[in-house]
Every structure is written in structure tokens, then in C-alpha cells.
Amino acid sequence: MDYIVFSAIYACRAGWRTITLSYDIACQYFKNLKRRMADPTFPEHLRLDHHHVRVKPAIPKFHLPAHQEK
């Protein structure tokens, strides 16, 4: 998943500073993203710190009830 997402961001990054990534499990996906990107097996050219791009998570509306207190 990481390789696919960040390959697409890399291909379209021209001048972008912030990218909003809407994903139904963004709450889980972004938890260890920095750790996964620091892994030596993750391609260095896809790491965001090299491009000064910020990726913001967004959770689609249908997933929000899972995050609300009853």
C-alpha cells in the first residue's frame, strides 16, 4: 500500500506542499507511517522528508461514526 500511494504522490508532486489523503482506515494507516518510511527497504526517493510535502489524513464521512463516543 505504501509503495502505491507514495509512487502516485511522487509522480504528481510538482510544487505541492500539502496533500490530503482520504482513506477509510486513515486512522490506522497513518499511525506508523513515519516508522515504515524510515525502514531501509522503503525506496528513498519516495520518502516525503526529501520533498517537503505534508500528507494530511482524511476519514470519509461513512467511517466517522466509528470514532464518535456514544
PDB file of N, CA and C in Angstrom:
ATOM      1  N   MET A   1       0.819  -1.190   0.000  1.00  0.00           N
ATOM      2  CA  MET A   1       0.000   0.000   0.000  1.00  0.00           C
ATOM      3  C   MET A   1       0.866   1.259   0.000  1.00  0.00           C
ATOM      4  N   ASP A   2       1.888   1.300   0.862  1.00  0.00           N
ATOM      5  CA  ASP A   2       2.744   2.479   0.937  1.00  0.00           C
ATOM      6  C   ASP A   2       3.399   2.786  -0.405  1.00  0.00           C
ATOM      7  N   TYR A   3       3.922   1.757  -1.032  1.00  0.00           N
ATOM      8  CA  TYR A   3       4.610   1.966  -2.307  1.00  0.00           C
ATOM      9  C   TYR A   3       3.672   2.552  -3.359  1.00  0.00           C
ATOM     10  N   ILE A   4       2.467   2.036  -3.436  1.00  0.00           N
ATOM     11  CA  ILE A   4       1.495   2.515  -4.425  1.00  0.00           C
ATOM     12  C   ILE A   4       1.118   3.963  -4.157  1.00  0.00           C
ATOM     13  N   VAL A   5       0.776   4.274  -2.908  1.00  0.00           N
ATOM     14  CA  VAL A   5       0.350   5.630  -2.550  1.00  0.00           C
ATOM     15  C   VAL A   5       1.466   6.637  -2.812  1.00  0.00           C
ATOM     16  N   PHE A   6       2.662   6.345  -2.339  1.00  0.00           N
ATOM     17  CA  PHE A   6       3.735   7.324  -2.448  1.00  0.00           C
ATOM     18  C   PHE A   6       4.363   7.377  -3.832  1.00  0.00           C
ATOM     19  N   SER A   7       4.200   6.347  -4.631  1.00  0.00           N
ATOM     20  CA  SER A   7       4.592   6.425  -6.039  1.00  0.00           C
ATOM     21  C   SER A   7       3.670   7.391  -6.773  1.00  0.00           C
ATOM     22  N   ALA A   8       2.380   7.339  -6.476  1.00  0.00           N
ATOM     23  CA  ALA A   8       1.426   8.262  -7.096  1.00  0.00           C
ATOM     24  C   ALA A   8       1.701   9.697  -6.654  1.00  0.00           C
ATOM     25  N   ILE A   9       1.975   9.892  -5.379  1.00  0.00           N
ATOM     26  CA  ILE A   9       2.298  11.239  -4.881  1.00  0.00           C
ATOM     27  C   ILE A   9       3.583  11.735  -5.543  1.00  0.00           C
ATOM     28  N   TYR A  10       4.579  10.890  -5.647  1.00  0.00           N
ATOM     29  CA  TYR A  10       5.850  11.258  -6.266  1.00  0.00           C
ATOM     30  C   TYR A  10       5.645  11.693  -7.720  1.00  0.00           C
ATOM     31  N   ALA A  11       4.803  10.982  -8.423  1.00  0.00           N
ATOM     32  CA  ALA A  11       4.558  11.291  -9.832  1.00  0.00           C
ATOM     33  C   ALA A  11       3.804  12.606 -10.029  1.00  0.00           C
ATOM     34  N   CYS A  12       3.035  13.030  -9.046  1.00  0.00           N
ATOM     35  CA  CYS A  12       2.180  14.213  -9.186  1.00  0.00           C
ATOM     36  C   CYS A  12       2.593  15.376  -8.281  1.00  0.00           C
ATOM     37  N   ARG A  13       3.747  15.340  -7.692  1.00  0.00           N
ATOM     38  CA  ARG A  13       4.102  16.235  -6.610  1.00  0.00           C
ATOM     39  C   ARG A  13       4.502  17.649  -7.020  1.00  0.00           C
ATOM     40  N   ALA A  14       4.597  17.955  -8.257  1.00  0.00           N
ATOM     41  CA  ALA A  14       5.136  19.227  -8.749  1.00  0.00           C
ATOM     42  C   ALA A  14       4.615  20.441  -7.985  1.00  0.00           C
ATOM     43  N   GLY A  15       5.406  20.943  -7.064  1.00  0.00           N
ATOM     44  CA  GLY A  15       5.071  22.164  -6.339  1.00  0.00           C
ATOM     45  C   GLY A  15       4.074  21.998  -5.211  1.00  0.00           C
ATOM     46  N   TRP A  16       3.583  20.818  -4.984  1.00  0.00           N
ATOM     47  CA  TRP A  16       2.597  20.621  -3.913  1.00  0.00           C
ATOM     48  C   TRP A  16       3.290  20.670  -2.564  1.00  0.00           C
ATOM     49  N   ARG A  17       2.624  21.266  -1.594  1.00  0.00           N
ATOM     50  CA  ARG A  17       3.147  21.312  -0.226  1.00  0.00           C
ATOM     51  C   ARG A  17       2.304  20.459   0.723  1.00  0.00           C
ATOM     52  N   THR A  18       1.010  20.352   0.445  1.00  0.00           N
ATOM     53  CA  THR A  18       0.118  19.554   1.284  1.00  0.00           C
ATOM     54  C   THR A  18      -0.761  18.694   0.392  1.00  0.00           C
ATOM     55  N   ILE A  19      -0.881  17.442   0.762  1.00  0.00           N
ATOM     56  CA  ILE A  19      -1.743  16.505   0.040  1.00  0.00           C
ATOM     57  C   ILE A  19      -2.689  15.894   1.063  1.00  0.00           C
ATOM     58  N   THR A  20      -3.983  15.899   0.763  1.00  0.00           N
ATOM     59  CA  THR A  20      -4.972  15.265   1.632  1.00  0.00           C
ATOM     60  C   THR A  20      -5.275  13.892   1.074  1.00  0.00           C
ATOM     61  N   LEU A  21      -5.084  12.901   1.922  1.00  0.00           N
ATOM     62  CA  LEU A  21      -5.304  11.517   1.518  1.00  0.00           C
ATOM     63  C   LEU A  21      -6.531  10.989   2.252  1.00  0.00           C
ATOM     64  N   SER A  22      -7.595  10.779   1.510  1.00  0.00           N
ATOM     65  CA  SER A  22      -8.834  10.269   2.087  1.00  0.00           C
ATOM     66  C   SER A  22      -8.830   8.748   1.962  1.00  0.00           C
ATOM     67  N   TYR A  23      -8.954   8.106   3.112  1.00  0.00           N
ATOM     68  CA  TYR A  23      -8.829   6.652   3.158  1.00  0.00           C
ATOM     69  C   TYR A  23      -9.675   6.164   4.327  1.00  0.00           C
ATOM     70  N   ASP A  24     -10.491   5.132   4.117  1.00  0.00           N
ATOM     71  CA  ASP A  24     -11.425   4.713   5.161  1.00  0.00           C
ATOM     72  C   ASP A  24     -10.738   4.224   6.433  1.00  0.00           C
ATOM     73  N   ILE A  25      -9.492   3.788   6.346  1.00  0.00           N
ATOM     74  CA  ILE A  25      -8.800   3.400   7.571  1.00  0.00           C
ATOM     75  C   ILE A  25      -7.580   4.304   7.809  1.00  0.00           C
ATOM     76  N   ALA A  26      -7.701   5.563   7.411  1.00  0.00           N
ATOM     77  CA  ALA A  26      -6.610   6.524   7.611  1.00  0.00           C
ATOM     78  C   ALA A  26      -6.209   6.595   9.075  1.00  0.00           C
ATOM     79  N   CYS A  27      -7.163   6.408   9.961  1.00  0.00           N
ATOM     80  CA  CYS A  27      -6.879   6.442  11.392  1.00  0.00           C
ATOM     81  C   CYS A  27      -5.830   5.393  11.764  1.00  0.00           C
ATOM     82  N   GLN A  28      -5.836   4.256  11.103  1.00  0.00           N
ATOM     83  CA  GLN A  28      -4.858   3.207  11.359  1.00  0.00           C
ATOM     84  C   GLN A  28      -3.634   3.337  10.440  1.00  0.00           C
ATOM     85  N   TYR A  29      -3.866   3.709   9.205  1.00  0.00           N
ATOM     86  CA  TYR A  29      -2.794   3.764   8.213  1.00  0.00           C
ATOM     87  C   TYR A  29      -1.688   4.748   8.605  1.00  0.00           C
ATOM     88  N   PHE A  30      -2.065   5.895   9.144  1.00  0.00           N
ATOM     89  CA  PHE A  30      -1.085   6.935   9.435  1.00  0.00           C
ATOM     90  C   PHE A  30      -0.360   6.742  10.764  1.00  0.00           C
ATOM     91  N   LYS A  31      -0.803   5.802  11.582  1.00  0.00           N
ATOM     92  CA  LYS A  31      -0.193   5.608  12.904  1.00  0.00           C
ATOM     93  C   LYS A  31       1.310   5.384  12.848  1.00  0.00           C
ATOM     94  N   ASN A  32       1.772   4.509  12.024  1.00  0.00           N
ATOM     95  CA  ASN A  32       3.195   4.158  11.964  1.00  0.00           C
ATOM     96  C   ASN A  32       3.835   4.510  10.623  1.00  0.00           C
ATOM     97  N   LEU A  33       3.261   5.479   9.940  1.00  0.00           N
ATOM     98  CA  LEU A  33       3.756   5.823   8.613  1.00  0.00           C
ATOM     99  C   LEU A  33       5.220   6.264   8.645  1.00  0.00           C
ATOM    100  N   LYS A  34       5.596   7.122   9.574  1.00  0.00           N
ATOM    101  CA  LYS A  34       6.982   7.594   9.636  1.00  0.00           C
ATOM    102  C   LYS A  34       7.948   6.433   9.885  1.00  0.00           C
ATOM    103  N   ARG A  35       7.555   5.519  10.731  1.00  0.00           N
ATOM    104  CA  ARG A  35       8.397   4.352  11.010  1.00  0.00           C
ATOM    105  C   ARG A  35       8.556   3.492   9.754  1.00  0.00           C
ATOM    106  N   ARG A  36       7.453   3.286   9.031  1.00  0.00           N
ATOM    107  CA  ARG A  36       7.523   2.469   7.808  1.00  0.00           C
ATOM    108  C   ARG A  36       8.387   3.149   6.740  1.00  0.00           C
ATOM    109  N   MET A  37       8.290   4.484   6.645  1.00  0.00           N
ATOM    110  CA  MET A  37       9.096   5.198   5.652  1.00  0.00           C
ATOM    111  C   MET A  37      10.576   5.184   6.018  1.00  0.00           C
ATOM    112  N   ALA A  38      10.889   5.093   7.297  1.00  0.00           N
ATOM    113  CA  ALA A  38      12.288   5.060   7.737  1.00  0.00           C
ATOM    114  C   ALA A  38      12.925   3.686   7.534  1.00  0.00           C
ATOM    115  N   ASP A  39      12.105   2.688   7.271  1.00  0.00           N
ATOM    116  CA  ASP A  39      12.617   1.331   7.046  1.00  0.00           C
ATOM    117  C   ASP A  39      13.570   1.347   5.844  1.00  0.00           C
ATOM    118  N   PRO A  40      14.723   0.726   5.954  1.00  0.00           N
ATOM    119  CA  PRO A  40      15.694   0.727   4.860  1.00  0.00           C
ATOM    120  C   PRO A  40      15.171   0.118   3.556  1.00  0.00           C
ATOM    121  N   THR A  41      14.131  -0.701   3.628  1.00  0.00           N
ATOM    122  CA  THR A  41      13.593  -1.304   2.405  1.00  0.00           C
ATOM    123  C   THR A  41      12.636  -0.374   1.659  1.00  0.00           C
ATOM    124  N   PHE A  42      12.214   0.730   2.304  1.00  0.00           N
ATOM    125  CA  PHE A  42      11.325   1.691   1.638  1.00  0.00           C
ATOM    126  C   PHE A  42      12.177   2.553   0.706  1.00  0.00           C
ATOM    127  N   PRO A  43      11.792   2.667  -0.567  1.00  0.00           N
ATOM    128  CA  PRO A  43      12.615   3.420  -1.528  1.00  0.00           C
ATOM    129  C   PRO A  43      12.847   4.869  -1.068  1.00  0.00           C
ATOM    130  N   GLU A  44      14.095   5.242  -1.053  1.00  0.00           N
ATOM    131  CA  GLU A  44      14.459   6.562  -0.539  1.00  0.00           C
ATOM    132  C   GLU A  44      13.826   7.696  -1.337  1.00  0.00           C
ATOM    133  N   HIS A  45      13.686   7.563  -2.643  1.00  0.00           N
ATOM    134  CA  HIS A  45      13.129   8.650  -3.452  1.00  0.00           C
ATOM    135  C   HIS A  45      11.640   8.893  -3.182  1.00  0.00           C
ATOM    136  N   LEU A  46      10.967   7.954  -2.514  1.00  0.00           N
ATOM    137  CA  LEU A  46       9.543   8.129  -2.208  1.00  0.00           C
ATOM    138  C   LEU A  46       9.300   8.707  -0.816  1.00  0.00           C
ATOM    139  N   ARG A  47      10.328   8.871  -0.026  1.00  0.00           N
ATOM    140  CA  ARG A  47      10.162   9.394   1.331  1.00  0.00           C
ATOM    141  C   ARG A  47       9.812  10.873   1.293  1.00  0.00           C
ATOM    142  N   LEU A  48       8.799  11.246   2.048  1.00  0.00           N
ATOM    143  CA  LEU A  48       8.294  12.611   1.997  1.00  0.00           C
ATOM    144  C   LEU A  48       9.282  13.644   2.514  1.00  0.00           C
ATOM    145  N   ASP A  49      10.132  13.276   3.447  1.00  0.00           N
ATOM    146  CA  ASP A  49      11.051  14.266   4.002  1.00  0.00           C
ATOM    147  C   ASP A  49      12.021  14.808   2.955  1.00  0.00           C
ATOM    148  N   HIS A  50      12.200  14.097   1.860  1.00  0.00           N
ATOM    149  CA  HIS A  50      13.062  14.573   0.784  1.00  0.00           C
ATOM    150  C   HIS A  50      12.370  15.603  -0.100  1.00  0.00           C
ATOM    151  N   HIS A  51      11.066  15.682  -0.024  1.00  0.00           N
ATOM    152  CA  HIS A  51      10.306  16.546  -0.934  1.00  0.00           C
ATOM    153  C   HIS A  51       9.554  17.665  -0.214  1.00  0.00           C
ATOM    154  N   HIS A  52       9.632  17.711   1.101  1.00  0.00           N
ATOM    155  CA  HIS A  52       8.964  18.746   1.894  1.00  0.00           C
ATOM    156  C   HIS A  52       7.469  18.806   1.582  1.00  0.00           C
ATOM    157  N   VAL A  53       6.862  17.646   1.500  1.00  0.00           N
ATOM    158  CA  VAL A  53       5.429  17.530   1.251  1.00  0.00           C
ATOM    159  C   VAL A  53       4.768  16.993   2.509  1.00  0.00           C
ATOM    160  N   ARG A  54       3.649  17.588   2.877  1.00  0.00           N
ATOM    161  CA  ARG A  54       2.889  17.135   4.046  1.00  0.00           C
ATOM    162  C   ARG A  54       1.666  16.364   3.557  1.00  0.00           C
ATOM    163  N   VAL A  55       1.436  15.199   4.136  1.00  0.00           N
ATOM    164  CA  VAL A  55       0.255  14.408   3.790  1.00  0.00           C
ATOM    165  C   VAL A  55      -0.679  14.419   4.991  1.00  0.00           C
ATOM    166  N   LYS A  56      -1.893  14.939   4.770  1.00  0.00           N
ATOM    167  CA  LYS A  56      -2.902  15.002   5.828  1.00  0.00           C
ATOM    168  C   LYS A  56      -3.906  13.874   5.635  1.00  0.00           C
ATOM    169  N   PRO A  57      -4.236  13.154   6.701  1.00  0.00           N
ATOM    170  CA  PRO A  57      -5.262  12.116   6.580  1.00  0.00           C
ATOM    171  C   PRO A  57      -6.661  12.717   6.636  1.00  0.00           C
ATOM    172  N   ALA A  58      -7.571  12.123   5.905  1.00  0.00           N
ATOM    173  CA  ALA A  58      -8.979  12.491   5.958  1.00  0.00           C
ATOM    174  C   ALA A  58      -9.781  11.197   5.996  1.00  0.00           C
ATOM    175  N   ILE A  59     -10.726  11.140   6.905  1.00  0.00           N
ATOM    176  CA  ILE A  59     -11.561   9.955   7.046  1.00  0.00           C
ATOM    177  C   ILE A  59     -12.907  10.232   6.381  1.00  0.00           C
ATOM    178  N   PRO A  60     -13.331   9.397   5.442  1.00  0.00           N
ATOM    179  CA  PRO A  60     -14.614   9.611   4.780  1.00  0.00           C
ATOM    180  C   PRO A  60     -15.781   9.618   5.780  1.00  0.00           C
ATOM    181  N   LYS A  61     -16.809  10.333   5.441  1.00  0.00           N
ATOM    182  CA  LYS A  61     -17.950  10.534   6.330  1.00  0.00           C
ATOM    183  C   LYS A  61     -18.575   9.223   6.825  1.00  0.00           C
ATOM    184  N   PHE A  62     -18.651   8.203   5.985  1.00  0.00           N
ATOM    185  CA  PHE A  62     -19.308   6.954   6.408  1.00  0.00           C
ATOM    186  C   PHE A  62     -18.522   6.225   7.495  1.00  0.00           C
ATOM    187  N   HIS A  63     -17.247   6.581   7.683  1.00  0.00           N
ATOM    188  CA  HIS A  63     -16.405   5.922   8.691  1.00  0.00           C
ATOM    189  C   HIS A  63     -16.398   6.691  10.021  1.00  0.00           C
ATOM    190  N   LEU A  64     -16.857   7.927  10.014  1.00  0.00           N
ATOM    191  CA  LEU A  64     -16.823   8.757  11.227  1.00  0.00           C
ATOM    192  C   LEU A  64     -17.574   8.189  12.423  1.00  0.00           C
ATOM    193  N   PRO A  65     -18.717   7.550  12.263  1.00  0.00           N
ATOM    194  CA  PRO A  65     -19.414   7.018  13.448  1.00  0.00           C
ATOM    195  C   PRO A  65     -18.557   6.073  14.287  1.00  0.00           C
ATOM    196  N   ALA A  66     -17.586   5.430  13.701  1.00  0.00           N
ATOM    197  CA  ALA A  66     -16.707   4.541  14.458  1.00  0.00           C
ATOM    198  C   ALA A  66     -15.801   5.314  15.415  1.00  0.00           C
ATOM    199  N   HIS A  67     -15.711   6.636  15.238  1.00  0.00           N
ATOM    200  CA  HIS A  67     -14.833   7.462  16.044  1.00  0.00           C
ATOM    201  C   HIS A  67     -15.585   8.398  16.991  1.00  0.00           C
ATOM    202  N   GLN A  68     -16.868   8.211  17.126  1.00  0.00           N
ATOM    203  CA  GLN A  68     -17.657   9.073  17.996  1.00  0.00           C
ATOM    204  C   GLN A  68     -18.058   8.300  19.241  1.00  0.00           C
ATOM    205  N   GLU A  69     -17.998   9.025  20.371  1.00  0.00           N
ATOM    206  CA  GLU A  69     -18.453   8.407  21.614  1.00  0.00           C
ATOM    207  C   GLU A  69     -19.961   8.345  21.619  1.00  0.00           C
ATOM    208  N   LYS A  70     -20.485   7.285  22.168  1.00  0.00           N
ATOM    209  CA  LYS A  70     -21.943   7.131  22.245  1.00  0.00           C
ATOM    210  C   LYS A  70     -22.466   7.887  23.430  1.00  0.00           C
TER     211      LYS A  70
END
